[in-house]
PDB file of N, CA and C in Angstrom:
ATOM      1  N   MET A   1      60.389  11.486 -45.261  1.00  0.00           N
ATOM      2  CA  MET A   1      60.141  12.525 -47.044  1.00  0.00           C
ATOM      3  C   MET A   1      58.893  13.674 -46.803  1.00  0.00           C
ATOM      4  N   TYR A   2      57.337  12.933 -45.909  1.00  0.00           N
ATOM      5  CA  TYR A   2      56.397  13.300 -45.846  1.00  0.00           C
ATOM      6  C   TYR A   2      56.758  14.841 -44.985  1.00  0.00           C
ATOM      7  N   SER A   3      57.329  14.580 -43.654  1.00  0.00           N
ATOM      8  CA  SER A   3      57.474  16.387 -43.041  1.00  0.00           C
ATOM      9  C   SER A   3      58.345  17.045 -44.053  1.00  0.00           C
ATOM     10  N   GLY A   4      59.431  16.702 -44.545  1.00  0.00           N
ATOM     11  CA  GLY A   4      59.515  17.670 -45.017  1.00  0.00           C
ATOM     12  C   GLY A   4      58.930  18.520 -46.468  1.00  0.00           C
ATOM     13  N   LYS A   5      58.057  18.121 -47.083  1.00  0.00           N
ATOM     14  CA  LYS A   5      56.963  18.378 -47.974  1.00  0.00           C
ATOM     15  C   LYS A   5      56.026  19.274 -47.374  1.00  0.00           C
ATOM     16  N   TYR A   6      55.610  18.744 -45.947  1.00  0.00           N
ATOM     17  CA  TYR A   6      54.549  19.596 -44.851  1.00  0.00           C
ATOM     18  C   TYR A   6      54.873  20.771 -44.492  1.00  0.00           C
ATOM     19  N   LEU A   7      56.467  20.882 -43.683  1.00  0.00           N
ATOM     20  CA  LEU A   7      57.401  21.862 -43.465  1.00  0.00           C
ATOM     21  C   LEU A   7      57.714  22.808 -44.620  1.00  0.00           C
ATOM     22  N   GLN A   8      57.907  22.857 -46.163  1.00  0.00           N
ATOM     23  CA  GLN A   8      57.920  23.458 -47.360  1.00  0.00           C
ATOM     24  C   GLN A   8      57.057  23.577 -47.217  1.00  0.00           C
ATOM     25  N   THR A   9      55.421  23.360 -47.428  1.00  0.00           N
ATOM     26  CA  THR A   9      54.053  23.942 -47.657  1.00  0.00           C
ATOM     27  C   THR A   9      53.960  24.991 -46.591  1.00  0.00           C
ATOM     28  N   HIS A  10      54.005  24.830 -45.522  1.00  0.00           N
ATOM     29  CA  HIS A  10      53.640  25.702 -44.502  1.00  0.00           C
ATOM     30  C   HIS A  10      54.790  26.657 -44.578  1.00  0.00           C
ATOM     31  N   PHE A  11      55.832  26.865 -44.911  1.00  0.00           N
ATOM     32  CA  PHE A  11      56.913  27.881 -45.154  1.00  0.00           C
ATOM     33  C   PHE A  11      56.327  28.748 -46.112  1.00  0.00           C
ATOM     34  N   ASP A  12      56.236  28.048 -47.228  1.00  0.00           N
ATOM     35  CA  ASP A  12      55.318  28.923 -48.423  1.00  0.00           C
ATOM     36  C   ASP A  12      53.735  29.784 -48.023  1.00  0.00           C
ATOM     37  N   GLU A  13      53.634  28.629 -47.401  1.00  0.00           N
ATOM     38  CA  GLU A  13      52.248  30.072 -46.715  1.00  0.00           C
ATOM     39  C   GLU A  13      52.779  30.793 -46.116  1.00  0.00           C
ATOM     40  N   ALA A  14      53.367  30.516 -44.625  1.00  0.00           N
ATOM     41  CA  ALA A  14      53.623  31.527 -44.145  1.00  0.00           C
ATOM     42  C   ALA A  14      54.758  33.036 -44.725  1.00  0.00           C
ATOM     43  N   THR A  15      55.209  32.597 -45.996  1.00  0.00           N
ATOM     44  CA  THR A  15      55.691  33.131 -46.339  1.00  0.00           C
ATOM     45  C   THR A  15      55.125  34.273 -47.436  1.00  0.00           C
ATOM     46  N   ARG A  16      54.053  34.036 -48.150  1.00  0.00           N
ATOM     47  CA  ARG A  16      52.936  34.883 -48.685  1.00  0.00           C
ATOM     48  C   ARG A  16      51.934  35.448 -48.049  1.00  0.00           C
ATOM     49  N   ALA A  17      51.846  34.839 -46.163  1.00  0.00           N
ATOM     50  CA  ALA A  17      51.010  35.481 -46.050  1.00  0.00           C
ATOM     51  C   ALA A  17      51.552  36.871 -45.403  1.00  0.00           C
ATOM     52  N   ILE A  18      53.303  36.785 -44.696  1.00  0.00           N
ATOM     53  CA  ILE A  18      53.783  37.795 -44.780  1.00  0.00           C
ATOM     54  C   ILE A  18      53.621  38.840 -45.534  1.00  0.00           C
ATOM     55  N   TYR A  19      54.268  38.317 -46.960  1.00  0.00           N
ATOM     56  CA  TYR A  19      54.168  39.195 -48.166  1.00  0.00           C
ATOM     57  C   TYR A  19      52.508  39.909 -47.993  1.00  0.00           C
ATOM     58  N   THR A  20      51.712  39.154 -48.051  1.00  0.00           N
ATOM     59  CA  THR A  20      50.465  39.974 -48.293  1.00  0.00           C
ATOM     60  C   THR A  20      49.924  40.962 -47.297  1.00  0.00           C
ATOM     61  N   LEU A  21      50.047  40.721 -45.975  1.00  0.00           N
ATOM     62  CA  LEU A  21      50.071  41.281 -44.892  1.00  0.00           C
ATOM     63  C   LEU A  21      50.936  42.145 -44.589  1.00  0.00           C
ATOM     64  N   THR A  22      52.257  42.634 -45.428  1.00  0.00           N
ATOM     65  CA  THR A  22      52.724  43.712 -45.583  1.00  0.00           C
ATOM     66  C   THR A  22      52.371  44.688 -46.262  1.00  0.00           C
ATOM     67  N   LEU A  23      52.158  44.303 -47.455  1.00  0.00           N
ATOM     68  CA  LEU A  23      51.641  45.221 -48.471  1.00  0.00           C
ATOM     69  C   LEU A  23      50.622  45.805 -47.930  1.00  0.00           C
ATOM     70  N   GLU A  24      49.225  44.993 -47.587  1.00  0.00           N
ATOM     71  CA  GLU A  24      48.220  45.764 -46.609  1.00  0.00           C
ATOM     72  C   GLU A  24      47.962  46.671 -45.527  1.00  0.00           C
ATOM     73  N   LEU A  25      49.474  46.322 -44.844  1.00  0.00           N
ATOM     74  CA  LEU A  25      49.679  47.279 -43.666  1.00  0.00           C
ATOM     75  C   LEU A  25      50.689  48.445 -44.494  1.00  0.00           C
ATOM     76  N   ASP A  26      51.022  48.572 -45.348  1.00  0.00           N
ATOM     77  CA  ASP A  26      51.556  49.769 -45.849  1.00  0.00           C
ATOM     78  C   ASP A  26      50.943  50.672 -46.637  1.00  0.00           C
ATOM     79  N   ILE A  27      49.631  49.965 -46.714  1.00  0.00           N
ATOM     80  CA  ILE A  27      48.517  50.548 -47.678  1.00  0.00           C
ATOM     81  C   ILE A  27      47.911  51.126 -46.389  1.00  0.00           C
ATOM     82  N   ILE A  28      47.812  50.509 -44.996  1.00  0.00           N
ATOM     83  CA  ILE A  28      46.864  50.904 -44.110  1.00  0.00           C
ATOM     84  C   ILE A  28      47.441  52.562 -43.521  1.00  0.00           C
ATOM     85  N   LYS A  29      49.099  52.507 -43.433  1.00  0.00           N
ATOM     86  CA  LYS A  29      49.521  52.971 -42.519  1.00  0.00           C
ATOM     87  C   LYS A  29      49.910  54.495 -43.584  1.00  0.00           C
ATOM     88  N   LYS A  30      49.984  54.133 -44.789  1.00  0.00           N
ATOM     89  CA  LYS A  30      49.965  55.219 -45.875  1.00  0.00           C
ATOM     90  C   LYS A  30      48.417  56.418 -45.624  1.00  0.00           C
ATOM     91  N   GLN A  31      47.476  55.189 -45.871  1.00  0.00           N
ATOM     92  CA  GLN A  31      46.012  55.970 -45.643  1.00  0.00           C
ATOM     93  C   GLN A  31      45.874  56.775 -44.626  1.00  0.00           C
ATOM     94  N   TYR A  32      46.441  56.160 -43.880  1.00  0.00           N
ATOM     95  CA  TYR A  32      46.166  56.720 -42.555  1.00  0.00           C
ATOM     96  C   TYR A  32      46.749  57.874 -41.170  1.00  0.00           C
ATOM     97  N   ASN A  33      47.970  57.794 -42.080  1.00  0.00           N
ATOM     98  CA  ASN A  33      49.451  58.344 -42.301  1.00  0.00           C
ATOM     99  C   ASN A  33      49.911  58.233 -40.570  1.00  0.00           C
ATOM    100  N   LEU A  34      50.256  56.616 -40.568  1.00  0.00           N
ATOM    101  CA  LEU A  34      50.824  56.153 -39.198  1.00  0.00           C
ATOM    102  C   LEU A  34      52.254  55.675 -39.673  1.00  0.00           C
ATOM    103  N   THR A  35      52.730  55.530 -38.577  1.00  0.00           N
ATOM    104  CA  THR A  35      53.796  54.930 -38.609  1.00  0.00           C
ATOM    105  C   THR A  35      54.033  54.179 -37.559  1.00  0.00           C
ATOM    106  N   ASP A  36      55.400  53.067 -37.571  1.00  0.00           N
ATOM    107  CA  ASP A  36      55.490  52.151 -36.819  1.00  0.00           C
ATOM    108  C   ASP A  36      55.221  52.421 -35.252  1.00  0.00           C
ATOM    109  N   ASP A  37      55.804  53.713 -34.229  1.00  0.00           N
ATOM    110  CA  ASP A  37      56.150  53.787 -33.563  1.00  0.00           C
ATOM    111  C   ASP A  37      54.507  53.954 -33.083  1.00  0.00           C
ATOM    112  N   ASP A  38      53.233  54.611 -34.024  1.00  0.00           N
ATOM    113  CA  ASP A  38      52.102  54.759 -33.518  1.00  0.00           C
ATOM    114  C   ASP A  38      51.817  52.966 -33.325  1.00  0.00           C
ATOM    115  N   PHE A  39      51.932  51.998 -33.960  1.00  0.00           N
ATOM    116  CA  PHE A  39      50.771  50.465 -33.816  1.00  0.00           C
ATOM    117  C   PHE A  39      52.094  50.336 -32.155  1.00  0.00           C
ATOM    118  N   VAL A  40      53.143  50.207 -31.626  1.00  0.00           N
ATOM    119  CA  VAL A  40      53.930  50.505 -30.478  1.00  0.00           C
ATOM    120  C   VAL A  40      53.119  51.297 -29.583  1.00  0.00           C
ATOM    121  N   ARG A  41      52.757  52.378 -30.158  1.00  0.00           N
ATOM    122  CA  ARG A  41      51.831  53.173 -29.049  1.00  0.00           C
ATOM    123  C   ARG A  41      50.772  52.592 -28.816  1.00  0.00           C
ATOM    124  N   PHE A  42      49.981  51.851 -29.796  1.00  0.00           N
ATOM    125  CA  PHE A  42      48.350  52.096 -29.627  1.00  0.00           C
ATOM    126  C   PHE A  42      48.459  50.153 -28.880  1.00  0.00           C
ATOM    127  N   HIS A  43      49.500  49.471 -28.866  1.00  0.00           N
ATOM    128  CA  HIS A  43      49.898  47.735 -28.668  1.00  0.00           C
ATOM    129  C   HIS A  43      49.868  48.449 -26.947  1.00  0.00           C
ATOM    130  N   VAL A  44      50.459  49.351 -26.548  1.00  0.00           N
ATOM    131  CA  VAL A  44      51.095  50.074 -24.924  1.00  0.00           C
ATOM    132  C   VAL A  44      49.892  50.777 -24.730  1.00  0.00           C
ATOM    133  N   ASP A  45      48.613  50.958 -25.797  1.00  0.00           N
ATOM    134  CA  ASP A  45      47.730  52.064 -24.955  1.00  0.00           C
ATOM    135  C   ASP A  45      46.696  50.685 -24.204  1.00  0.00           C
ATOM    136  N   GLU A  46      46.348  49.895 -25.660  1.00  0.00           N
ATOM    137  CA  GLU A  46      45.498  48.823 -25.354  1.00  0.00           C
ATOM    138  C   GLU A  46      46.404  47.709 -24.054  1.00  0.00           C
ATOM    139  N   ARG A  47      47.378  47.799 -23.981  1.00  0.00           N
ATOM    140  CA  ARG A  47      47.453  47.081 -22.141  1.00  0.00           C
ATOM    141  C   ARG A  47      47.274  47.856 -21.611  1.00  0.00           C
ATOM    142  N   ASN A  48      47.543  49.225 -21.590  1.00  0.00           N
ATOM    143  CA  ASN A  48      46.842  50.339 -20.077  1.00  0.00           C
ATOM    144  C   ASN A  48      45.504  49.798 -19.686  1.00  0.00           C
ATOM    145  N   TYR A  49      44.738  49.990 -20.988  1.00  0.00           N
ATOM    146  CA  TYR A  49      43.160  49.816 -20.544  1.00  0.00           C
ATOM    147  C   TYR A  49      43.243  48.694 -20.150  1.00  0.00           C
ATOM    148  N   LEU A  50      43.469  47.587 -20.820  1.00  0.00           N
ATOM    149  CA  LEU A  50      42.423  46.023 -20.275  1.00  0.00           C
ATOM    150  C   LEU A  50      43.214  45.589 -19.125  1.00  0.00           C
ATOM    151  N   ALA A  51      44.685  46.458 -18.317  1.00  0.00           N
ATOM    152  CA  ALA A  51      44.757  46.566 -17.115  1.00  0.00           C
ATOM    153  C   ALA A  51      44.060  47.064 -16.139  1.00  0.00           C
ATOM    154  N   SER A  52      43.474  48.316 -16.408  1.00  0.00           N
ATOM    155  CA  SER A  52      42.974  49.227 -15.471  1.00  0.00           C
ATOM    156  C   SER A  52      41.103  48.564 -15.576  1.00  0.00           C
ATOM    157  N   LEU A  53      40.694  47.428 -16.407  1.00  0.00           N
ATOM    158  CA  LEU A  53      39.690  46.911 -16.224  1.00  0.00           C
ATOM    159  C   LEU A  53      40.030  45.836 -15.312  1.00  0.00           C
ATOM    160  N   LYS A  54      40.922  45.596 -15.198  1.00  0.00           N
ATOM    161  CA  LYS A  54      41.249  44.522 -14.086  1.00  0.00           C
ATOM    162  C   LYS A  54      40.956  44.645 -12.611  1.00  0.00           C
ATOM    163  N   GLN A  55      41.110  46.084 -12.387  1.00  0.00           N
ATOM    164  CA  GLN A  55      40.619  46.654 -11.045  1.00  0.00           C
ATOM    165  C   GLN A  55      39.271  47.121 -10.941  1.00  0.00           C
ATOM    166  N   PRO A  56      38.742  47.584  -9.573  1.00  0.00           N
ATOM    167  CA  PRO A  56      37.564  48.415  -9.918  1.00  0.00           C
ATOM    168  C   PRO A  56      38.129  49.780  -9.587  1.00  0.00           C
ATOM    169  N   ALA A  57      37.078  50.423 -10.335  1.00  0.00           N
ATOM    170  CA  ALA A  57      36.904  51.966 -10.377  1.00  0.00           C
ATOM    171  C   ALA A  57      37.206  52.344  -8.948  1.00  0.00           C
ATOM    172  N   ILE A  58      37.958  53.938  -9.097  1.00  0.00           N
ATOM    173  CA  ILE A  58      38.502  54.410  -8.027  1.00  0.00           C
ATOM    174  C   ILE A  58      37.711  54.579  -6.526  1.00  0.00           C
ATOM    175  N   ARG A  59      36.674  54.834  -6.572  1.00  0.00           N
ATOM    176  CA  ARG A  59      35.119  55.257  -6.512  1.00  0.00           C
ATOM    177  C   ARG A  59      35.376  54.006  -5.462  1.00  0.00           C
ATOM    178  N   ASP A  60      34.874  52.174  -5.661  1.00  0.00           N
ATOM    179  CA  ASP A  60      35.173  51.444  -5.211  1.00  0.00           C
ATOM    180  C   ASP A  60      36.406  51.078  -4.611  1.00  0.00           C
ATOM    181  N   GLN A  61      37.376  51.386  -4.813  1.00  0.00           N
ATOM    182  CA  GLN A  61      37.686  51.076  -3.944  1.00  0.00           C
ATOM    183  C   GLN A  61      38.017  52.131  -2.995  1.00  0.00           C
ATOM    184  N   LEU A  62      38.128  53.516  -3.536  1.00  0.00           N
ATOM    185  CA  LEU A  62      38.186  53.872  -1.796  1.00  0.00           C
ATOM    186  C   LEU A  62      36.862  53.692  -0.643  1.00  0.00           C
ATOM    187  N   LEU A  63      35.778  53.064  -1.666  1.00  0.00           N
ATOM    188  CA  LEU A  63      35.129  52.429  -0.149  1.00  0.00           C
ATOM    189  C   LEU A  63      35.154  50.919   0.175  1.00  0.00           C
ATOM    190  N   ILE A  64      35.786  50.101  -0.351  1.00  0.00           N
ATOM    191  CA  ILE A  64      36.328  49.283  -0.046  1.00  0.00           C
ATOM    192  C   ILE A  64      37.525  49.396   1.264  1.00  0.00           C
ATOM    193  N   ARG A  65      38.317  50.418   1.117  1.00  0.00           N
ATOM    194  CA  ARG A  65      39.254  50.754   1.630  1.00  0.00           C
ATOM    195  C   ARG A  65      38.840  51.878   3.211  1.00  0.00           C
ATOM    196  N   TYR A  66      37.737  52.516   3.185  1.00  0.00           N
ATOM    197  CA  TYR A  66      36.531  52.740   4.183  1.00  0.00           C
ATOM    198  C   TYR A  66      36.513  51.948   4.833  1.00  0.00           C
ATOM    199  N   VAL A  67      35.557  50.593   4.307  1.00  0.00           N
ATOM    200  CA  VAL A  67      35.215  49.762   4.610  1.00  0.00           C
ATOM    201  C   VAL A  67      36.859  48.947   5.650  1.00  0.00           C
ATOM    202  N   GLN A  68      37.645  48.596   5.098  1.00  0.00           N
ATOM    203  CA  GLN A  68      38.693  47.755   5.452  1.00  0.00           C
ATOM    204  C   GLN A  68      38.835  48.807   6.968  1.00  0.00           C
ATOM    205  N   ILE A  69      39.346  50.422   6.731  1.00  0.00           N
ATOM    206  CA  ILE A  69      39.965  51.008   7.640  1.00  0.00           C
ATOM    207  C   ILE A  69      38.223  50.653   8.975  1.00  0.00           C
ATOM    208  N   LEU A  70      37.050  50.966   8.730  1.00  0.00           N
ATOM    209  CA  LEU A  70      36.233  50.508   9.744  1.00  0.00           C
ATOM    210  C   LEU A  70      36.309  49.404  10.604  1.00  0.00           C
ATOM    211  N   ASP A  71      37.016  48.240   9.935  1.00  0.00           N
ATOM    212  CA  ASP A  71      36.716  46.825  10.425  1.00  0.00           C
ATOM    213  C   ASP A  71      38.531  47.213  11.223  1.00  0.00           C
ATOM    214  N   ASP A  72      39.287  47.796  11.165  1.00  0.00           N
ATOM    215  CA  ASP A  72      40.706  48.035  11.737  1.00  0.00           C
ATOM    216  C   ASP A  72      39.984  48.696  12.918  1.00  0.00           C
ATOM    217  N   LEU A  73      39.817  49.594  13.101  1.00  0.00           N
ATOM    218  CA  LEU A  73      39.043  50.792  14.343  1.00  0.00           C
ATOM    219  C   LEU A  73      38.386  49.782  14.961  1.00  0.00           C
ATOM    220  N   GLU A  74      37.519  48.723  15.011  1.00  0.00           N
ATOM    221  CA  GLU A  74      36.617  47.952  15.346  1.00  0.00           C
ATOM    222  C   GLU A  74      37.399  47.324  16.138  1.00  0.00           C
ATOM    223  N   ALA A  75      38.266  46.520  15.543  1.00  0.00           N
ATOM    224  CA  ALA A  75      39.555  45.838  15.727  1.00  0.00           C
ATOM    225  C   ALA A  75      40.531  46.075  16.916  1.00  0.00           C
ATOM    226  N   TYR A  76      40.576  47.272  16.630  1.00  0.00           N
ATOM    227  CA  TYR A  76      41.929  48.394  18.279  1.00  0.00           C
ATOM    228  C   TYR A  76      40.604  48.660  18.847  1.00  0.00           C
ATOM    229  N   ARG A  77      39.321  48.979  19.107  1.00  0.00           N
ATOM    230  CA  ARG A  77      38.554  49.181  19.772  1.00  0.00           C
ATOM    231  C   ARG A  77      38.409  47.824  20.904  1.00  0.00           C
ATOM    232  N   TYR A  78      37.970  46.974  20.193  1.00  0.00           N
ATOM    233  CA  TYR A  78      37.775  45.624  21.190  1.00  0.00           C
ATOM    234  C   TYR A  78      39.011  45.349  22.153  1.00  0.00           C
ATOM    235  N   ALA A  79      40.739  46.096  21.133  1.00  0.00           N
ATOM    236  CA  ALA A  79      41.583  45.055  21.739  1.00  0.00           C
ATOM    237  C   ALA A  79      41.546  45.679  23.159  1.00  0.00           C
ATOM    238  N   PHE A  80      41.132  46.823  23.112  1.00  0.00           N
ATOM    239  CA  PHE A  80      41.517  48.243  24.107  1.00  0.00           C
ATOM    240  C   PHE A  80      40.384  47.872  25.157  1.00  0.00           C
TER     241      PHE A  80
END
């Protein structure tokens, strides 16, 4: 019986939170002239930005590749 009350209490809390947050989001969307598509775009932009932080800067990538090529060249010279 206790788990039923627990589930009902948390279901009611979640329902109230969804209702309240939906109203707040509607206000923000009107205030800033946003649509649901804007939030999808914001999410994509954020993911792309965070993914770009996982890689070294382009200049650093080029320097790393340059050193790798020099190492390969040295290995080929040694082999011949």
